[in-house]
Amino acid sequence: MELTALTAISAIDGRYRQQVQQLDEYFSEFGLMKYRVTIEIEYLLFLAEEGFLSLSPRTSKHLRTLATSFGPEHAAQIKKIEQTTNHDVKAVEYFLKKELETSGGKKILEWVHFGLTSQDINNTAIPLSWKHAIEYEYLPSLLNLNMQFRLLAKEWKNIPMLAHTHGQPASPTRLGKEIMVFNERIQNQIEQFIHIPFSGKFGGATGNFNAHNVAFPKTNWVTFGNDFLDKLGLSRQQFTTQIEHYDNFAAHFDCMKRINNILIDFCRDVWTYISMEYFKQRTKAGEVGSSAMPHKVNPIDFENAEGNLGLANAIFEHLAAKLPISRLQRDLTDSTVLRNIGVPFAHTIIAMRSIEKGLGKLVINPSKIEADLEKNWAVVSEAIQTILRRENYPQPYEALKDLTRGNQSITKQSISTFIDGLKIDNELKKTLKKITPQNYTGVMAKF
């Protein structure tokens, strides 16, 4: 069958294609070819800037236009050449030489890929595509989602809510603050993430500029390489084998895993709040929650996100563990693995879209939240015993423990009766009786 969204094996290229189709600019075979061509062209132009060769205005303009307008028809030409070369980077080199022949650049053909090994191209093209995907797709999506968390936190800032520790009723909190927990966690990880460098390898067959140095021994090739990668927006690794060591890639993957784990935690909390009926969900005409149970409105967006985040993390885990390991000066195990870095990236983007969609459906159910607070007056026992401690009342914790532990019928009245029985002055009794599950929510930082 012809490959379509219906016949694709991967859900990324099938069911979810419309959500992540823009990622093919970075992670598809076409995307990799485009970035390889860009690196080869930038290298040739940089050699000219450094005085190693002379480019005519016509040739220079053609190369720059090719880099910016590279399209599927160009990729098809490279793929056809690869059928003969059986080598993907060499096919790019031959493609560029053909382009030079048609633009007055015959005299400089052998400067294409001068002194380089394939990994000088791959280990700059892939980090550059990764950098662009992070800057143009991932960070904007994550920042937008985190802003949505913050806006909801502000909207729900003053809604008191029963907290649950170990699944049991606990000291009340505020819904907005609970959302801010996730906002802060994500923001902390973003700040760590943006300090991880985007690095590349550029140094010849085994990292020592052997071919470059033997051809031009008076040139400072280390400085040349540093300047070239700096111009691309990458930092050059100074000591490498044939390939980059991928440690910064692994750091990115590990940080993205942590962010995904935070989002999984969020999805599970919201899922639980929905099951507790603290949230209801807006329905859409024609949608079905169950093929058998007409009443159901499932939290499918948060479940979808959790599944996609888990799948992304499983792949990120392998990438982070595998890529930094290579036998001696290189083996080829990184090559096929690197072709899959877009897979967990795409699942992560899909998950964030699902969370955004799910958040847009949430509707606060104040009556249920209030009902849970009202039937859990036992939670004010912490407040009462703490004030009694302040007043040096004997064994207040034990007194409240005897009243509340295991007793499921603690009410406003039973708390009031307990307070009345305390040997304290009336003003203090009035103070204690003002404490309710609704107002015993503590304080929090401003946001």
Foldseek 3Di string as FASTA:
>chain_A
DDDQLPPDPDVCRHVVVVLCVVLCCQQNLQNLLLLLLLLLLLQLVLCVVVPVDPDDPQLNVLSVCCSVPPDPVLSVQLVVQCVVVVDNSVSSLVSVLVSCVVRVNVVCSCVRCQQADSQLSVQLSNLLSVVCCCVPPVVVLLVVLLVVLLVVLVVQVQQKFFDADPNHTAQIATPSVVSVVLSVQLVVLVVVLVPQFSAGEHAHQFRPSVRVCVVPVVDPVLVSVQVSSVVSVHGYDNHATRGDLCQSVLVNLVSLLSNLVSLLVVLVVVQVCVVLVQKDFADDPPDADDPPDRVDDHLVLSVLLNVLSVVLNVLSVCCSVPRSDAPDSGDCPVPVSSSCNVVSVSSNSSSSVSVVVSVVTIDGDSVSRVVVQQQCQLNCLVVVLVVCVVVVNPPSVVVSCVVDPVDSRDGLVNQLVSLVPDPDDPVVSVVSSVDGSSPSHDDDDDD
